[in-house]
């Protein structure tokens, strides 16, 4: 945890070290409890909250997309594991209640 607390690494890299030769998929955008239902809107893409999907396995990511859709959120595929830093704490896209258009600005 010290490596995370001191910003020397990011979660997905730390997981990769512990899960050597594993497929990793991270679905993230920390959502405060009071905002969960406000952002979940199946039929309103304009105001629908988006979650990032980061991973190295397309089949596993597709399962994540289905889950995200079922609970009423939209998603954006962050294709490179190395780009997951944008969704870590203290970064611009962390805890941001954004739709797809807004999140693409980060």
PDB file of N, CA and C in Angstrom:
ATOM      1  N   UNK A   1       0.804  -1.185   0.000  1.00  0.00           N
ATOM      2  CA  UNK A   1       0.000   0.000   0.000  1.00  0.00           C
ATOM      3  C   UNK A   1       0.859   1.267   0.000  1.00  0.00           C
ATOM      4  N   UNK A   2       2.058   1.139   0.544  1.00  0.00           N
ATOM      5  CA  UNK A   2       2.933   2.304   0.593  1.00  0.00           C
ATOM      6  C   UNK A   2       3.231   2.836  -0.810  1.00  0.00           C
ATOM      7  N   UNK A   3       3.404   1.933  -1.771  1.00  0.00           N
ATOM      8  CA  UNK A   3       3.668   2.361  -3.146  1.00  0.00           C
ATOM      9  C   UNK A   3       2.495   3.161  -3.709  1.00  0.00           C
ATOM     10  N   UNK A   4       1.278   2.757  -3.359  1.00  0.00           N
ATOM     11  CA  UNK A   4       0.097   3.506  -3.805  1.00  0.00           C
ATOM     12  C   UNK A   4      -0.014   4.827  -3.057  1.00  0.00           C
ATOM     13  N   UNK A   5       0.164   4.768  -1.750  1.00  0.00           N
ATOM     14  CA  UNK A   5       0.039   5.977  -0.932  1.00  0.00           C
ATOM     15  C   UNK A   5       1.056   7.045  -1.302  1.00  0.00           C
ATOM     16  N   UNK A   6       2.214   6.620  -1.768  1.00  0.00           N
ATOM     17  CA  UNK A   6       3.259   7.580  -2.136  1.00  0.00           C
ATOM     18  C   UNK A   6       3.270   7.868  -3.642  1.00  0.00           C
ATOM     19  N   UNK A   7       2.238   7.371  -4.344  1.00  0.00           N
ATOM     20  CA  UNK A   7       2.065   7.623  -5.788  1.00  0.00           C
ATOM     21  C   UNK A   7       3.227   7.100  -6.633  1.00  0.00           C
ATOM     22  N   UNK A   8       3.877   6.037  -6.169  1.00  0.00           N
ATOM     23  CA  UNK A   8       4.971   5.438  -6.928  1.00  0.00           C
ATOM     24  C   UNK A   8       4.476   4.441  -7.970  1.00  0.00           C
ATOM     25  N   UNK A   9       3.223   4.010  -7.838  1.00  0.00           N
ATOM     26  CA  UNK A   9       2.625   3.090  -8.801  1.00  0.00           C
ATOM     27  C   UNK A   9       1.118   3.307  -8.817  1.00  0.00           C
ATOM     28  N   UNK A  10       0.444   2.618  -9.726  1.00  0.00           N
ATOM     29  CA  UNK A  10      -1.014   2.695  -9.808  1.00  0.00           C
ATOM     30  C   UNK A  10      -1.592   1.305  -9.571  1.00  0.00           C
ATOM     31  N   UNK A  11      -2.853   1.246  -9.255  1.00  0.00           N
ATOM     32  CA  UNK A  11      -3.494  -0.007  -8.853  1.00  0.00           C
ATOM     33  C   UNK A  11      -3.310  -1.115  -9.877  1.00  0.00           C
ATOM     34  N   UNK A  12      -3.537  -0.816 -11.133  1.00  0.00           N
ATOM     35  CA  UNK A  12      -3.493  -1.869 -12.151  1.00  0.00           C
ATOM     36  C   UNK A  12      -2.076  -2.435 -12.321  1.00  0.00           C
ATOM     37  N   UNK A  13      -1.060  -1.614 -12.146  1.00  0.00           N
ATOM     38  CA  UNK A  13       0.322  -2.114 -12.218  1.00  0.00           C
ATOM     39  C   UNK A  13       0.642  -2.981 -11.006  1.00  0.00           C
ATOM     40  N   UNK A  14       0.173  -2.561  -9.850  1.00  0.00           N
ATOM     41  CA  UNK A  14       0.402  -3.342  -8.640  1.00  0.00           C
ATOM     42  C   UNK A  14      -0.307  -4.693  -8.740  1.00  0.00           C
ATOM     43  N   UNK A  15      -1.535  -4.693  -9.231  1.00  0.00           N
ATOM     44  CA  UNK A  15      -2.270  -5.951  -9.419  1.00  0.00           C
ATOM     45  C   UNK A  15      -1.543  -6.848 -10.409  1.00  0.00           C
ATOM     46  N   UNK A  16      -1.023  -6.265 -11.473  1.00  0.00           N
ATOM     47  CA  UNK A  16      -0.300  -7.033 -12.479  1.00  0.00           C
ATOM     48  C   UNK A  16       0.931  -7.732 -11.928  1.00  0.00           C
ATOM     49  N   UNK A  17       1.594  -7.103 -10.977  1.00  0.00           N
ATOM     50  CA  UNK A  17       2.774  -7.729 -10.364  1.00  0.00           C
ATOM     51  C   UNK A  17       2.384  -8.939  -9.521  1.00  0.00           C
ATOM     52  N   UNK A  18       1.225  -8.848  -8.870  1.00  0.00           N
ATOM     53  CA  UNK A  18       0.775  -9.940  -8.010  1.00  0.00           C
ATOM     54  C   UNK A  18       0.052 -11.032  -8.790  1.00  0.00           C
ATOM     55  N   UNK A  19      -0.494 -10.685  -9.921  1.00  0.00           N
ATOM     56  CA  UNK A  19      -1.261 -11.633 -10.737  1.00  0.00           C
ATOM     57  C   UNK A  19      -0.530 -11.887 -12.049  1.00  0.00           C
ATOM     58  N   UNK A  20       0.705 -12.264 -11.950  1.00  0.00           N
ATOM     59  CA  UNK A  20       1.573 -12.465 -13.108  1.00  0.00           C
ATOM     60  C   UNK A  20       0.918 -13.401 -14.121  1.00  0.00           C
ATOM     61  N   UNK A  21       0.989 -13.035 -15.390  1.00  0.00           N
ATOM     62  CA  UNK A  21       0.396 -13.793 -16.496  1.00  0.00           C
ATOM     63  C   UNK A  21      -1.123 -13.909 -16.403  1.00  0.00           C
ATOM     64  N   UNK A  22      -1.763 -12.979 -15.738  1.00  0.00           N
ATOM     65  CA  UNK A  22      -3.220 -12.983 -15.626  1.00  0.00           C
ATOM     66  C   UNK A  22      -3.815 -11.929 -16.536  1.00  0.00           C
ATOM     67  N   UNK A  23      -5.055 -12.141 -16.890  1.00  0.00           N
ATOM     68  CA  UNK A  23      -5.804 -11.114 -17.601  1.00  0.00           C
ATOM     69  C   UNK A  23      -6.448 -10.216 -16.565  1.00  0.00           C
ATOM     70  N   UNK A  24      -6.340  -8.930 -16.780  1.00  0.00           N
ATOM     71  CA  UNK A  24      -6.838  -7.960 -15.808  1.00  0.00           C
ATOM     72  C   UNK A  24      -7.816  -7.029 -16.497  1.00  0.00           C
ATOM     73  N   UNK A  25      -8.955  -6.825 -15.855  1.00  0.00           N
ATOM     74  CA  UNK A  25      -9.918  -5.828 -16.312  1.00  0.00           C
ATOM     75  C   UNK A  25     -10.318  -5.008 -15.098  1.00  0.00           C
ATOM     76  N   UNK A  26     -10.244  -3.713 -15.249  1.00  0.00           N
ATOM     77  CA  UNK A  26     -10.614  -2.798 -14.171  1.00  0.00           C
ATOM     78  C   UNK A  26     -11.748  -1.921 -14.683  1.00  0.00           C
ATOM     79  N   UNK A  27     -12.837  -1.927 -13.959  1.00  0.00           N
ATOM     80  CA  UNK A  27     -13.955  -1.041 -14.269  1.00  0.00           C
ATOM     81  C   UNK A  27     -13.983  -0.021 -13.152  1.00  0.00           C
ATOM     82  N   UNK A  28     -13.864   1.235 -13.525  1.00  0.00           N
ATOM     83  CA  UNK A  28     -13.755   2.210 -12.451  1.00  0.00           C
ATOM     84  C   UNK A  28     -14.346   3.558 -12.780  1.00  0.00           C
ATOM     85  N   UNK A  29     -14.736   4.172 -11.794  1.00  0.00           N
ATOM     86  CA  UNK A  29     -15.071   5.562 -11.612  1.00  0.00           C
ATOM     87  C   UNK A  29     -15.731   5.567 -10.258  1.00  0.00           C
ATOM     88  N   UNK A  30     -14.983   5.893  -9.261  1.00  0.00           N
ATOM     89  CA  UNK A  30     -15.518   5.861  -7.917  1.00  0.00           C
ATOM     90  C   UNK A  30     -16.748   6.746  -7.855  1.00  0.00           C
ATOM     91  N   UNK A  31     -17.829   6.171  -7.372  1.00  0.00           N
ATOM     92  CA  UNK A  31     -19.103   6.881  -7.321  1.00  0.00           C
ATOM     93  C   UNK A  31     -19.536   6.970  -5.865  1.00  0.00           C
ATOM     94  N   UNK A  32     -19.816   8.160  -5.422  1.00  0.00           N
ATOM     95  CA  UNK A  32     -20.332   8.335  -4.074  1.00  0.00           C
ATOM     96  C   UNK A  32     -21.725   7.718  -3.999  1.00  0.00           C
ATOM     97  N   UNK A  33     -22.056   7.100  -2.879  1.00  0.00           N
ATOM     98  CA  UNK A  33     -23.321   6.379  -2.729  1.00  0.00           C
ATOM     99  C   UNK A  33     -24.514   7.234  -3.128  1.00  0.00           C
ATOM    100  N   UNK A  34     -24.542   8.477  -2.713  1.00  0.00           N
ATOM    101  CA  UNK A  34     -25.697   9.334  -3.003  1.00  0.00           C
ATOM    102  C   UNK A  34     -25.856   9.614  -4.498  1.00  0.00           C
ATOM    103  N   UNK A  35     -24.829   9.317  -5.303  1.00  0.00           N
ATOM    104  CA  UNK A  35     -24.883   9.599  -6.737  1.00  0.00           C
ATOM    105  C   UNK A  35     -25.137   8.363  -7.603  1.00  0.00           C
ATOM    106  N   UNK A  36     -25.186   7.182  -7.004  1.00  0.00           N
ATOM    107  CA  UNK A  36     -25.314   5.955  -7.799  1.00  0.00           C
ATOM    108  C   UNK A  36     -26.565   5.976  -8.659  1.00  0.00           C
ATOM    109  N   UNK A  37     -27.708   6.221  -8.070  1.00  0.00           N
ATOM    110  CA  UNK A  37     -28.955   6.165  -8.836  1.00  0.00           C
ATOM    111  C   UNK A  37     -29.131   7.381  -9.730  1.00  0.00           C
ATOM    112  N   UNK A  38     -28.518   8.474  -9.367  1.00  0.00           N
ATOM    113  CA  UNK A  38     -28.611   9.686 -10.185  1.00  0.00           C
ATOM    114  C   UNK A  38     -27.904   9.505 -11.529  1.00  0.00           C
ATOM    115  N   UNK A  39     -26.844   8.734 -11.573  1.00  0.00           N
ATOM    116  CA  UNK A  39     -26.061   8.569 -12.797  1.00  0.00           C
ATOM    117  C   UNK A  39     -26.456   7.391 -13.655  1.00  0.00           C
ATOM    118  N   UNK A  40     -27.282   6.492 -13.106  1.00  0.00           N
ATOM    119  CA  UNK A  40     -27.689   5.293 -13.846  1.00  0.00           C
ATOM    120  C   UNK A  40     -28.969   5.578 -14.621  1.00  0.00           C
ATOM    121  N   UNK A  41     -28.849   5.712 -15.925  1.00  0.00           N
ATOM    122  CA  UNK A  41     -30.000   6.046 -16.771  1.00  0.00           C
ATOM    123  C   UNK A  41     -29.861   5.295 -18.088  1.00  0.00           C
ATOM    124  N   UNK A  42     -30.588   4.203 -18.223  1.00  0.00           N
ATOM    125  CA  UNK A  42     -30.468   3.367 -19.424  1.00  0.00           C
ATOM    126  C   UNK A  42     -30.849   4.072 -20.715  1.00  0.00           C
ATOM    127  N   UNK A  43     -31.805   4.956 -20.676  1.00  0.00           N
ATOM    128  CA  UNK A  43     -32.330   5.539 -21.916  1.00  0.00           C
ATOM    129  C   UNK A  43     -31.917   6.983 -22.145  1.00  0.00           C
ATOM    130  N   UNK A  44     -30.981   7.482 -21.388  1.00  0.00           N
ATOM    131  CA  UNK A  44     -30.606   8.890 -21.494  1.00  0.00           C
ATOM    132  C   UNK A  44     -29.088   9.014 -21.581  1.00  0.00           C
ATOM    133  N   UNK A  45     -28.539   8.813 -22.770  1.00  0.00           N
ATOM    134  CA  UNK A  45     -27.080   8.855 -22.945  1.00  0.00           C
ATOM    135  C   UNK A  45     -26.491  10.228 -22.631  1.00  0.00           C
ATOM    136  N   UNK A  46     -27.283  11.281 -22.797  1.00  0.00           N
ATOM    137  CA  UNK A  46     -26.781  12.631 -22.544  1.00  0.00           C
ATOM    138  C   UNK A  46     -26.401  12.821 -21.085  1.00  0.00           C
ATOM    139  N   UNK A  47     -27.191  12.265 -20.179  1.00  0.00           N
ATOM    140  CA  UNK A  47     -26.952  12.449 -18.749  1.00  0.00           C
ATOM    141  C   UNK A  47     -26.526  11.168 -18.044  1.00  0.00           C
ATOM    142  N   UNK A  48     -26.174  10.147 -18.802  1.00  0.00           N
ATOM    143  CA  UNK A  48     -25.800   8.861 -18.231  1.00  0.00           C
ATOM    144  C   UNK A  48     -24.329   8.866 -17.821  1.00  0.00           C
ATOM    145  N   UNK A  49     -24.070   8.475 -16.597  1.00  0.00           N
ATOM    146  CA  UNK A  49     -22.697   8.441 -16.103  1.00  0.00           C
ATOM    147  C   UNK A  49     -21.904   7.350 -16.816  1.00  0.00           C
ATOM    148  N   UNK A  50     -20.645   7.639 -17.091  1.00  0.00           N
ATOM    149  CA  UNK A  50     -19.792   6.690 -17.809  1.00  0.00           C
ATOM    150  C   UNK A  50     -18.733   6.121 -16.863  1.00  0.00           C
ATOM    151  N   UNK A  51     -18.459   4.838 -17.016  1.00  0.00           N
ATOM    152  CA  UNK A  51     -17.422   4.163 -16.257  1.00  0.00           C
ATOM    153  C   UNK A  51     -16.306   3.759 -17.214  1.00  0.00           C
ATOM    154  N   UNK A  52     -15.094   3.810 -16.754  1.00  0.00           N
ATOM    155  CA  UNK A  52     -13.971   3.405 -17.604  1.00  0.00           C
ATOM    156  C   UNK A  52     -13.753   1.903 -17.490  1.00  0.00           C
ATOM    157  N   UNK A  53     -13.425   1.289 -18.613  1.00  0.00           N
ATOM    158  CA  UNK A  53     -13.095  -0.135 -18.657  1.00  0.00           C
ATOM    159  C   UNK A  53     -11.674  -0.236 -19.203  1.00  0.00           C
ATOM    160  N   UNK A  54     -10.800  -0.788 -18.389  1.00  0.00           N
ATOM    161  CA  UNK A  54      -9.392  -0.875 -18.734  1.00  0.00           C
ATOM    162  C   UNK A  54      -8.992  -2.340 -18.609  1.00  0.00           C
ATOM    163  N   UNK A  55      -8.368  -2.891 -19.635  1.00  0.00           N
ATOM    164  CA  UNK A  55      -7.981  -4.285 -19.501  1.00  0.00           C
ATOM    165  C   UNK A  55      -7.229  -4.828 -20.689  1.00  0.00           C
ATOM    166  N   UNK A  56      -6.766  -6.060 -20.522  1.00  0.00           N
ATOM    167  CA  UNK A  56      -5.987  -6.703 -21.572  1.00  0.00           C
ATOM    168  C   UNK A  56      -6.663  -7.966 -22.096  1.00  0.00           C
ATOM    169  N   UNK A  57      -7.983  -8.090 -21.876  1.00  0.00           N
ATOM    170  CA  UNK A  57      -8.721  -9.253 -22.352  1.00  0.00           C
ATOM    171  C   UNK A  57     -10.073  -8.789 -22.884  1.00  0.00           C
ATOM    172  N   UNK A  58     -10.244  -8.860 -24.194  1.00  0.00           N
ATOM    173  CA  UNK A  58     -11.465  -8.345 -24.820  1.00  0.00           C
ATOM    174  C   UNK A  58     -12.719  -9.089 -24.386  1.00  0.00           C
ATOM    175  N   UNK A  59     -12.643 -10.386 -24.182  1.00  0.00           N
ATOM    176  CA  UNK A  59     -13.808 -11.149 -23.748  1.00  0.00           C
ATOM    177  C   UNK A  59     -14.238 -10.742 -22.340  1.00  0.00           C
ATOM    178  N   UNK A  60     -13.270 -10.587 -21.465  1.00  0.00           N
ATOM    179  CA  UNK A  60     -13.579 -10.148 -20.104  1.00  0.00           C
ATOM    180  C   UNK A  60     -14.135  -8.732 -20.110  1.00  0.00           C
ATOM    181  N   UNK A  61     -13.599  -7.865 -20.966  1.00  0.00           N
ATOM    182  CA  UNK A  61     -14.126  -6.501 -21.053  1.00  0.00           C
ATOM    183  C   UNK A  61     -15.563  -6.521 -21.554  1.00  0.00           C
ATOM    184  N   UNK A  62     -15.876  -7.391 -22.510  1.00  0.00           N
ATOM    185  CA  UNK A  62     -17.243  -7.486 -23.030  1.00  0.00           C
ATOM    186  C   UNK A  62     -18.222  -7.883 -21.922  1.00  0.00           C
ATOM    187  N   UNK A  63     -17.798  -8.763 -21.036  1.00  0.00           N
ATOM    188  CA  UNK A  63     -18.626  -9.127 -19.887  1.00  0.00           C
ATOM    189  C   UNK A  63     -18.843  -7.910 -18.995  1.00  0.00           C
ATOM    190  N   UNK A  64     -17.807  -7.130 -18.822  1.00  0.00           N
ATOM    191  CA  UNK A  64     -17.923  -5.892 -18.047  1.00  0.00           C
ATOM    192  C   UNK A  64     -18.881  -4.906 -18.682  1.00  0.00           C
ATOM    193  N   UNK A  65     -18.828  -4.778 -20.008  1.00  0.00           N
ATOM    194  CA  UNK A  65     -19.745  -3.873 -20.712  1.00  0.00           C
ATOM    195  C   UNK A  65     -21.192  -4.267 -20.447  1.00  0.00           C
ATOM    196  N   UNK A  66     -21.477  -5.570 -20.504  1.00  0.00           N
ATOM    197  CA  UNK A  66     -22.840  -6.055 -20.273  1.00  0.00           C
ATOM    198  C   UNK A  66     -23.303  -5.722 -18.862  1.00  0.00           C
ATOM    199  N   UNK A  67     -22.439  -5.941 -17.890  1.00  0.00           N
ATOM    200  CA  UNK A  67     -22.774  -5.637 -16.500  1.00  0.00           C
ATOM    201  C   UNK A  67     -23.049  -4.150 -16.326  1.00  0.00           C
ATOM    202  N   UNK A  68     -22.190  -3.333 -16.880  1.00  0.00           N
ATOM    203  CA  UNK A  68     -22.357  -1.881 -16.780  1.00  0.00           C
ATOM    204  C   UNK A  68     -23.682  -1.457 -17.398  1.00  0.00           C
ATOM    205  N   UNK A  69     -23.999  -1.994 -18.554  1.00  0.00           N
ATOM    206  CA  UNK A  69     -25.255  -1.669 -19.229  1.00  0.00           C
ATOM    207  C   UNK A  69     -26.456  -2.103 -18.393  1.00  0.00           C
ATOM    208  N   UNK A  70     -26.385  -3.268 -17.780  1.00  0.00           N
ATOM    209  CA  UNK A  70     -27.493  -3.775 -16.971  1.00  0.00           C
ATOM    210  C   UNK A  70     -27.800  -2.883 -15.780  1.00  0.00           C
ATOM    211  N   UNK A  71     -26.789  -2.275 -15.205  1.00  0.00           N
ATOM    212  CA  UNK A  71     -27.035  -1.410 -14.048  1.00  0.00           C
ATOM    213  C   UNK A  71     -27.321   0.030 -14.446  1.00  0.00           C
ATOM    214  N   UNK A  72     -27.267   0.326 -15.758  1.00  0.00           N
ATOM    215  CA  UNK A  72     -27.719   1.624 -16.232  1.00  0.00           C
ATOM    216  C   UNK A  72     -26.659   2.665 -16.509  1.00  0.00           C
ATOM    217  N   UNK A  73     -25.412   2.244 -16.606  1.00  0.00           N
ATOM    218  CA  UNK A  73     -24.348   3.190 -16.895  1.00  0.00           C
ATOM    219  C   UNK A  73     -23.845   3.003 -18.326  1.00  0.00           C
ATOM    220  N   UNK A  74     -23.064   3.947 -18.797  1.00  0.00           N
ATOM    221  CA  UNK A  74     -22.393   3.848 -20.085  1.00  0.00           C
ATOM    222  C   UNK A  74     -20.930   3.509 -19.785  1.00  0.00           C
ATOM    223  N   UNK A  75     -20.151   3.225 -20.802  1.00  0.00           N
ATOM    224  CA  UNK A  75     -18.743   2.895 -20.574  1.00  0.00           C
ATOM    225  C   UNK A  75     -17.877   3.455 -21.687  1.00  0.00           C
ATOM    226  N   UNK A  76     -16.620   3.605 -21.365  1.00  0.00           N
ATOM    227  CA  UNK A  76     -15.610   3.971 -22.349  1.00  0.00           C
ATOM    228  C   UNK A  76     -14.466   2.974 -22.197  1.00  0.00           C
ATOM    229  N   UNK A  77     -13.988   2.464 -23.314  1.00  0.00           N
ATOM    230  CA  UNK A  77     -12.894   1.502 -23.302  1.00  0.00           C
ATOM    231  C   UNK A  77     -11.567   2.252 -23.334  1.00  0.00           C
ATOM    232  N   UNK A  78     -10.823   2.142 -22.254  1.00  0.00           N
ATOM    233  CA  UNK A  78      -9.477   2.703 -22.187  1.00  0.00           C
ATOM    234  C   UNK A  78      -8.563   1.574 -22.641  1.00  0.00           C
ATOM    235  N   UNK A  79      -8.116   1.636 -23.857  1.00  0.00           N
ATOM    236  CA  UNK A  79      -7.484   0.492 -24.508  1.00  0.00           C
ATOM    237  C   UNK A  79      -6.147   0.071 -23.904  1.00  0.00           C
ATOM    238  N   UNK A  80      -5.420   0.996 -23.347  1.00  0.00           N
ATOM    239  CA  UNK A  80      -4.089   0.668 -22.832  1.00  0.00           C
ATOM    240  C   UNK A  80      -4.103   0.636 -21.308  1.00  0.00           C
ATOM    241  N   UNK A  81      -3.584  -0.430 -20.740  1.00  0.00           N
ATOM    242  CA  UNK A  81      -3.469  -0.501 -19.287  1.00  0.00           C
ATOM    243  C   UNK A  81      -2.669   0.680 -18.750  1.00  0.00           C
ATOM    244  N   UNK A  82      -1.708   1.124 -19.518  1.00  0.00           N
ATOM    245  CA  UNK A  82      -0.848   2.226 -19.075  1.00  0.00           C
ATOM    246  C   UNK A  82      -1.611   3.543 -18.944  1.00  0.00           C
ATOM    247  N   UNK A  83      -2.796   3.647 -19.547  1.00  0.00           N
ATOM    248  CA  UNK A  83      -3.591   4.875 -19.434  1.00  0.00           C
ATOM    249  C   UNK A  83      -4.527   4.881 -18.231  1.00  0.00           C
ATOM    250  N   UNK A  84      -4.511   3.830 -17.441  1.00  0.00           N
ATOM    251  CA  UNK A  84      -5.426   3.766 -16.301  1.00  0.00           C
ATOM    252  C   UNK A  84      -5.103   4.797 -15.227  1.00  0.00           C
ATOM    253  N   UNK A  85      -3.928   5.390 -15.278  1.00  0.00           N
ATOM    254  CA  UNK A  85      -3.551   6.405 -14.288  1.00  0.00           C
ATOM    255  C   UNK A  85      -4.547   7.562 -14.277  1.00  0.00           C
ATOM    256  N   UNK A  86      -5.215   7.820 -15.390  1.00  0.00           N
ATOM    257  CA  UNK A  86      -6.168   8.941 -15.458  1.00  0.00           C
ATOM    258  C   UNK A  86      -7.350   8.751 -14.521  1.00  0.00           C
ATOM    259  N   UNK A  87      -7.563   7.519 -14.060  1.00  0.00           N
ATOM    260  CA  UNK A  87      -8.709   7.213 -13.215  1.00  0.00           C
ATOM    261  C   UNK A  87      -8.297   6.852 -11.795  1.00  0.00           C
ATOM    262  N   UNK A  88      -7.099   7.211 -11.428  1.00  0.00           N
ATOM    263  CA  UNK A  88      -6.610   6.991 -10.070  1.00  0.00           C
ATOM    264  C   UNK A  88      -6.941   8.215  -9.214  1.00  0.00           C
ATOM    265  N   UNK A  89      -6.891   8.021  -7.906  1.00  0.00           N
ATOM    266  CA  UNK A  89      -7.206   9.138  -6.999  1.00  0.00           C
ATOM    267  C   UNK A  89      -6.289  10.328  -7.279  1.00  0.00           C
ATOM    268  N   UNK A  90      -6.781  11.467  -7.078  1.00  0.00           N
ATOM    269  CA  UNK A  90      -6.154  12.779  -7.298  1.00  0.00           C
ATOM    270  C   UNK A  90      -5.963  13.128  -8.768  1.00  0.00           C
ATOM    271  N   UNK A  91      -6.425  12.296  -9.679  1.00  0.00           N
ATOM    272  CA  UNK A  91      -6.302  12.603 -11.112  1.00  0.00           C
ATOM    273  C   UNK A  91      -7.611  13.195 -11.616  1.00  0.00           C
ATOM    274  N   UNK A  92      -7.551  13.812 -12.765  1.00  0.00           N
ATOM    275  CA  UNK A  92      -8.678  14.610 -13.255  1.00  0.00           C
ATOM    276  C   UNK A  92      -9.967  13.835 -13.483  1.00  0.00           C
ATOM    277  N   UNK A  93      -9.927  12.558 -13.816  1.00  0.00           N
ATOM    278  CA  UNK A  93     -11.148  11.806 -14.099  1.00  0.00           C
ATOM    279  C   UNK A  93     -11.640  10.990 -12.903  1.00  0.00           C
ATOM    280  N   UNK A  94     -10.990  11.115 -11.767  1.00  0.00           N
ATOM    281  CA  UNK A  94     -11.359  10.339 -10.583  1.00  0.00           C
ATOM    282  C   UNK A  94     -12.562  10.965  -9.893  1.00  0.00           C
ATOM    283  N   UNK A  95     -13.580  10.166  -9.635  1.00  0.00           N
ATOM    284  CA  UNK A  95     -14.806  10.605  -8.940  1.00  0.00           C
ATOM    285  C   UNK A  95     -15.580  11.669  -9.707  1.00  0.00           C
ATOM    286  N   UNK A  96     -15.372  11.761 -10.989  1.00  0.00           N
ATOM    287  CA  UNK A  96     -16.047  12.784 -11.784  1.00  0.00           C
ATOM    288  C   UNK A  96     -17.365  12.234 -12.308  1.00  0.00           C
ATOM    289  N   UNK A  97     -18.492  12.884 -11.983  1.00  0.00           N
ATOM    290  CA  UNK A  97     -19.780  12.450 -12.539  1.00  0.00           C
ATOM    291  C   UNK A  97     -19.914  12.967 -13.967  1.00  0.00           C
ATOM    292  N   UNK A  98     -19.434  12.193 -14.929  1.00  0.00           N
ATOM    293  CA  UNK A  98     -19.377  12.665 -16.312  1.00  0.00           C
ATOM    294  C   UNK A  98     -20.070  11.690 -17.255  1.00  0.00           C
ATOM    295  N   UNK A  99     -20.642  12.256 -18.329  1.00  0.00           N
ATOM    296  CA  UNK A  99     -21.139  11.403 -19.407  1.00  0.00           C
ATOM    297  C   UNK A  99     -19.976  11.154 -20.366  1.00  0.00           C
ATOM    298  N   UNK A 100     -20.233  10.429 -21.446  1.00  0.00           N
ATOM    299  CA  UNK A 100     -19.146  10.049 -22.352  1.00  0.00           C
ATOM    300  C   UNK A 100     -18.452  11.256 -22.969  1.00  0.00           C
ATOM    301  N   UNK A 101     -19.213  12.216 -23.415  1.00  0.00           N
ATOM    302  CA  UNK A 101     -18.628  13.416 -24.031  1.00  0.00           C
ATOM    303  C   UNK A 101     -17.762  14.178 -23.032  1.00  0.00           C
ATOM    304  N   UNK A 102     -18.253  14.335 -21.813  1.00  0.00           N
ATOM    305  CA  UNK A 102     -17.502  15.060 -20.790  1.00  0.00           C
ATOM    306  C   UNK A 102     -16.224  14.318 -20.403  1.00  0.00           C
ATOM    307  N   UNK A 103     -16.315  12.998 -20.251  1.00  0.00           N
ATOM    308  CA  UNK A 103     -15.149  12.228 -19.828  1.00  0.00           C
ATOM    309  C   UNK A 103     -14.047  12.252 -20.878  1.00  0.00           C
ATOM    310  N   UNK A 104     -14.412  12.308 -22.130  1.00  0.00           N
ATOM    311  CA  UNK A 104     -13.403  12.346 -23.196  1.00  0.00           C
ATOM    312  C   UNK A 104     -12.558  13.614 -23.157  1.00  0.00           C
ATOM    313  N   UNK A 105     -12.977  14.618 -22.409  1.00  0.00           N
ATOM    314  CA  UNK A 105     -12.196  15.853 -22.267  1.00  0.00           C
ATOM    315  C   UNK A 105     -11.055  15.686 -21.268  1.00  0.00           C
ATOM    316  N   UNK A 106     -11.126  14.633 -20.451  1.00  0.00           N
ATOM    317  CA  UNK A 106     -10.090  14.406 -19.440  1.00  0.00           C
ATOM    318  C   UNK A 106      -9.000  13.629 -20.063  1.00  0.00           C
TER     319      UNK A 106
END
